[in-house]
PDB file of N, CA and C in Angstrom:
ATOM      1  N   UNK A   1     -12.174 -25.330   8.432  1.00  0.00           N
ATOM      2  CA  UNK A   1     -12.282 -25.556   9.860  1.00  0.00           C
ATOM      3  C   UNK A   1     -13.722 -25.967  10.178  1.00  0.00           C
ATOM      4  N   UNK A   2     -13.856 -26.771  11.216  1.00  0.00           N
ATOM      5  CA  UNK A   2     -15.165 -27.163  11.727  1.00  0.00           C
ATOM      6  C   UNK A   2     -15.115 -27.042  13.250  1.00  0.00           C
ATOM      7  N   UNK A   3     -16.241 -26.594  13.832  1.00  0.00           N
ATOM      8  CA  UNK A   3     -16.337 -26.423  15.286  1.00  0.00           C
ATOM      9  C   UNK A   3     -17.704 -26.913  15.731  1.00  0.00           C
ATOM     10  N   UNK A   4     -17.734 -27.740  16.757  1.00  0.00           N
ATOM     11  CA  UNK A   4     -19.005 -28.110  17.390  1.00  0.00           C
ATOM     12  C   UNK A   4     -19.297 -27.059  18.456  1.00  0.00           C
ATOM     13  N   UNK A   5     -20.468 -26.484  18.407  1.00  0.00           N
ATOM     14  CA  UNK A   5     -20.840 -25.423  19.346  1.00  0.00           C
ATOM     15  C   UNK A   5     -21.683 -25.954  20.503  1.00  0.00           C
ATOM     16  N   UNK A   6     -21.408 -27.191  20.922  1.00  0.00           N
ATOM     17  CA  UNK A   6     -22.142 -27.770  22.045  1.00  0.00           C
ATOM     18  C   UNK A   6     -23.454 -28.402  21.634  1.00  0.00           C
ATOM     19  N   UNK A   7     -23.507 -28.932  20.414  1.00  0.00           N
ATOM     20  CA  UNK A   7     -24.748 -29.539  19.921  1.00  0.00           C
ATOM     21  C   UNK A   7     -25.134 -30.759  20.754  1.00  0.00           C
ATOM     22  N   UNK A   8     -26.435 -31.033  20.815  1.00  0.00           N
ATOM     23  CA  UNK A   8     -26.913 -32.152  21.636  1.00  0.00           C
ATOM     24  C   UNK A   8     -26.530 -33.509  21.044  1.00  0.00           C
ATOM     25  N   UNK A   9     -26.483 -33.626  19.714  1.00  0.00           N
ATOM     26  CA  UNK A   9     -26.095 -34.891  19.077  1.00  0.00           C
ATOM     27  C   UNK A   9     -24.600 -35.023  18.852  1.00  0.00           C
ATOM     28  N   UNK A  10     -23.892 -33.942  18.998  1.00  0.00           N
ATOM     29  CA  UNK A  10     -22.455 -33.962  18.783  1.00  0.00           C
ATOM     30  C   UNK A  10     -22.110 -33.895  17.309  1.00  0.00           C
ATOM     31  N   UNK A  11     -20.868 -33.577  17.046  1.00  0.00           N
ATOM     32  CA  UNK A  11     -20.320 -33.535  15.699  1.00  0.00           C
ATOM     33  C   UNK A  11     -19.155 -34.505  15.667  1.00  0.00           C
ATOM     34  N   UNK A  12     -19.126 -35.341  14.626  1.00  0.00           N
ATOM     35  CA  UNK A  12     -18.061 -36.336  14.516  1.00  0.00           C
ATOM     36  C   UNK A  12     -17.232 -36.072  13.270  1.00  0.00           C
ATOM     37  N   UNK A  13     -15.926 -36.159  13.421  1.00  0.00           N
ATOM     38  CA  UNK A  13     -14.996 -36.008  12.310  1.00  0.00           C
ATOM     39  C   UNK A  13     -14.209 -37.310  12.207  1.00  0.00           C
ATOM     40  N   UNK A  14     -14.401 -38.013  11.090  1.00  0.00           N
ATOM     41  CA  UNK A  14     -13.735 -39.303  10.868  1.00  0.00           C
ATOM     42  C   UNK A  14     -13.952 -40.272  12.025  1.00  0.00           C
ATOM     43  N   UNK A  15     -15.202 -40.294  12.524  1.00  0.00           N
ATOM     44  CA  UNK A  15     -15.571 -41.254  13.565  1.00  0.00           C
ATOM     45  C   UNK A  15     -15.274 -40.822  14.985  1.00  0.00           C
ATOM     46  N   UNK A  16     -14.638 -39.672  15.167  1.00  0.00           N
ATOM     47  CA  UNK A  16     -14.322 -39.207  16.513  1.00  0.00           C
ATOM     48  C   UNK A  16     -15.165 -37.986  16.852  1.00  0.00           C
ATOM     49  N   UNK A  17     -15.782 -38.028  18.039  1.00  0.00           N
ATOM     50  CA  UNK A  17     -16.611 -36.895  18.465  1.00  0.00           C
ATOM     51  C   UNK A  17     -15.717 -35.693  18.757  1.00  0.00           C
ATOM     52  N   UNK A  18     -16.132 -34.535  18.251  1.00  0.00           N
ATOM     53  CA  UNK A  18     -15.363 -33.318  18.483  1.00  0.00           C
ATOM     54  C   UNK A  18     -15.602 -32.783  19.881  1.00  0.00           C
ATOM     55  N   UNK A  19     -14.566 -32.193  20.454  1.00  0.00           N
ATOM     56  CA  UNK A  19     -14.681 -31.493  21.724  1.00  0.00           C
ATOM     57  C   UNK A  19     -15.353 -30.153  21.423  1.00  0.00           C
ATOM     58  N   UNK A  20     -16.430 -29.803  22.150  1.00  0.00           N
ATOM     59  CA  UNK A  20     -17.127 -28.542  21.868  1.00  0.00           C
ATOM     60  C   UNK A  20     -16.188 -27.335  21.916  1.00  0.00           C
ATOM     61  N   UNK A  21     -16.401 -26.420  20.974  1.00  0.00           N
ATOM     62  CA  UNK A  21     -15.679 -25.148  20.870  1.00  0.00           C
ATOM     63  C   UNK A  21     -14.183 -25.299  20.608  1.00  0.00           C
ATOM     64  N   UNK A  22     -13.766 -26.445  20.100  1.00  0.00           N
ATOM     65  CA  UNK A  22     -12.356 -26.659  19.742  1.00  0.00           C
ATOM     66  C   UNK A  22     -12.278 -26.848  18.225  1.00  0.00           C
ATOM     67  N   UNK A  23     -11.805 -25.839  17.484  1.00  0.00           N
ATOM     68  CA  UNK A  23     -11.763 -25.925  16.021  1.00  0.00           C
ATOM     69  C   UNK A  23     -10.860 -27.055  15.533  1.00  0.00           C
ATOM     70  N   UNK A  24     -11.274 -27.689  14.443  1.00  0.00           N
ATOM     71  CA  UNK A  24     -10.469 -28.733  13.794  1.00  0.00           C
ATOM     72  C   UNK A  24     -10.347 -28.399  12.312  1.00  0.00           C
ATOM     73  N   UNK A  25      -9.199 -28.667  11.746  1.00  0.00           N
ATOM     74  CA  UNK A  25      -8.956 -28.419  10.329  1.00  0.00           C
ATOM     75  C   UNK A  25      -9.574 -29.549   9.517  1.00  0.00           C
ATOM     76  N   UNK A  26     -10.289 -29.185   8.442  1.00  0.00           N
ATOM     77  CA  UNK A  26     -10.844 -30.185   7.525  1.00  0.00           C
ATOM     78  C   UNK A  26      -9.828 -30.481   6.437  1.00  0.00           C
ATOM     79  N   UNK A  27      -9.716 -31.754   6.086  1.00  0.00           N
ATOM     80  CA  UNK A  27      -8.796 -32.179   5.038  1.00  0.00           C
ATOM     81  C   UNK A  27      -9.562 -32.935   3.953  1.00  0.00           C
ATOM     82  N   UNK A  28      -8.994 -32.980   2.784  1.00  0.00           N
ATOM     83  CA  UNK A  28      -9.611 -33.678   1.663  1.00  0.00           C
ATOM     84  C   UNK A  28      -9.928 -35.124   2.044  1.00  0.00           C
ATOM     85  N   UNK A  29     -11.171 -35.545   1.813  1.00  0.00           N
ATOM     86  CA  UNK A  29     -11.589 -36.909   2.103  1.00  0.00           C
ATOM     87  C   UNK A  29     -12.152 -37.128   3.498  1.00  0.00           C
ATOM     88  N   UNK A  30     -12.157 -36.093   4.339  1.00  0.00           N
ATOM     89  CA  UNK A  30     -12.703 -36.233   5.693  1.00  0.00           C
ATOM     90  C   UNK A  30     -14.193 -36.563   5.648  1.00  0.00           C
ATOM     91  N   UNK A  31     -14.651 -37.249   6.691  1.00  0.00           N
ATOM     92  CA  UNK A  31     -16.072 -37.560   6.853  1.00  0.00           C
ATOM     93  C   UNK A  31     -16.591 -36.820   8.082  1.00  0.00           C
ATOM     94  N   UNK A  32     -17.680 -36.071   7.885  1.00  0.00           N
ATOM     95  CA  UNK A  32     -18.338 -35.349   8.975  1.00  0.00           C
ATOM     96  C   UNK A  32     -19.684 -36.002   9.221  1.00  0.00           C
ATOM     97  N   UNK A  33     -20.012 -36.215  10.497  1.00  0.00           N
ATOM     98  CA  UNK A  33     -21.349 -36.726  10.838  1.00  0.00           C
ATOM     99  C   UNK A  33     -21.999 -35.740  11.785  1.00  0.00           C
ATOM    100  N   UNK A  34     -23.183 -35.258  11.385  1.00  0.00           N
ATOM    101  CA  UNK A  34     -23.991 -34.330  12.174  1.00  0.00           C
ATOM    102  C   UNK A  34     -25.323 -35.018  12.426  1.00  0.00           C
ATOM    103  N   UNK A  35     -25.458 -35.648  13.587  1.00  0.00           N
ATOM    104  CA  UNK A  35     -26.662 -36.449  13.843  1.00  0.00           C
ATOM    105  C   UNK A  35     -26.685 -37.621  12.882  1.00  0.00           C
ATOM    106  N   UNK A  36     -27.718 -37.703  12.033  1.00  0.00           N
ATOM    107  CA  UNK A  36     -27.821 -38.796  11.061  1.00  0.00           C
ATOM    108  C   UNK A  36     -27.251 -38.416   9.699  1.00  0.00           C
ATOM    109  N   UNK A  37     -26.872 -37.155   9.521  1.00  0.00           N
ATOM    110  CA  UNK A  37     -26.321 -36.689   8.251  1.00  0.00           C
ATOM    111  C   UNK A  37     -24.829 -36.996   8.187  1.00  0.00           C
ATOM    112  N   UNK A  38     -24.402 -37.636   7.107  1.00  0.00           N
ATOM    113  CA  UNK A  38     -22.982 -37.917   6.877  1.00  0.00           C
ATOM    114  C   UNK A  38     -22.571 -37.202   5.604  1.00  0.00           C
ATOM    115  N   UNK A  39     -21.463 -36.455   5.668  1.00  0.00           N
ATOM    116  CA  UNK A  39     -20.950 -35.726   4.507  1.00  0.00           C
ATOM    117  C   UNK A  39     -19.469 -36.040   4.346  1.00  0.00           C
ATOM    118  N   UNK A  40     -19.053 -36.215   3.112  1.00  0.00           N
ATOM    119  CA  UNK A  40     -17.643 -36.403   2.794  1.00  0.00           C
ATOM    120  C   UNK A  40     -17.122 -35.115   2.170  1.00  0.00           C
ATOM    121  N   UNK A  41     -15.969 -34.670   2.631  1.00  0.00           N
ATOM    122  CA  UNK A  41     -15.402 -33.404   2.197  1.00  0.00           C
ATOM    123  C   UNK A  41     -14.340 -33.656   1.125  1.00  0.00           C
ATOM    124  N   UNK A  42     -14.499 -32.995  -0.029  1.00  0.00           N
ATOM    125  CA  UNK A  42     -13.514 -33.071  -1.100  1.00  0.00           C
ATOM    126  C   UNK A  42     -13.241 -31.656  -1.594  1.00  0.00           C
ATOM    127  N   UNK A  43     -11.983 -31.294  -1.689  1.00  0.00           N
ATOM    128  CA  UNK A  43     -11.602 -29.987  -2.174  1.00  0.00           C
ATOM    129  C   UNK A  43     -11.204 -30.102  -3.627  1.00  0.00           C
ATOM    130  N   UNK A  44     -11.648 -29.156  -4.429  1.00  0.00           N
ATOM    131  CA  UNK A  44     -11.334 -29.137  -5.853  1.00  0.00           C
ATOM    132  C   UNK A  44     -10.375 -27.997  -6.123  1.00  0.00           C
ATOM    133  N   UNK A  45      -9.251 -28.304  -6.761  1.00  0.00           N
ATOM    134  CA  UNK A  45      -8.304 -27.241  -7.107  1.00  0.00           C
ATOM    135  C   UNK A  45      -8.729 -26.611  -8.423  1.00  0.00           C
ATOM    136  N   UNK A  46      -8.474 -25.321  -8.544  1.00  0.00           N
ATOM    137  CA  UNK A  46      -8.916 -24.622  -9.763  1.00  0.00           C
ATOM    138  C   UNK A  46      -7.787 -24.436 -10.745  1.00  0.00           C
TER     139      UNK A  46
END
C-alpha cells in the first residue's frame, strides 16, 4: 500500500497523482514518483 500524506510535491502512481490520505495498493511493475525521485516496484516470490 502507498498513501500520500498531503505532501507539497504530491505522490504519483503510474502517472496519476494520488488523492491525499487515500491508500492505494501497489502492484508488480508499478511506477512511483515522489518529487523528482522515480521508483519501479517489483515483487520477488520466494
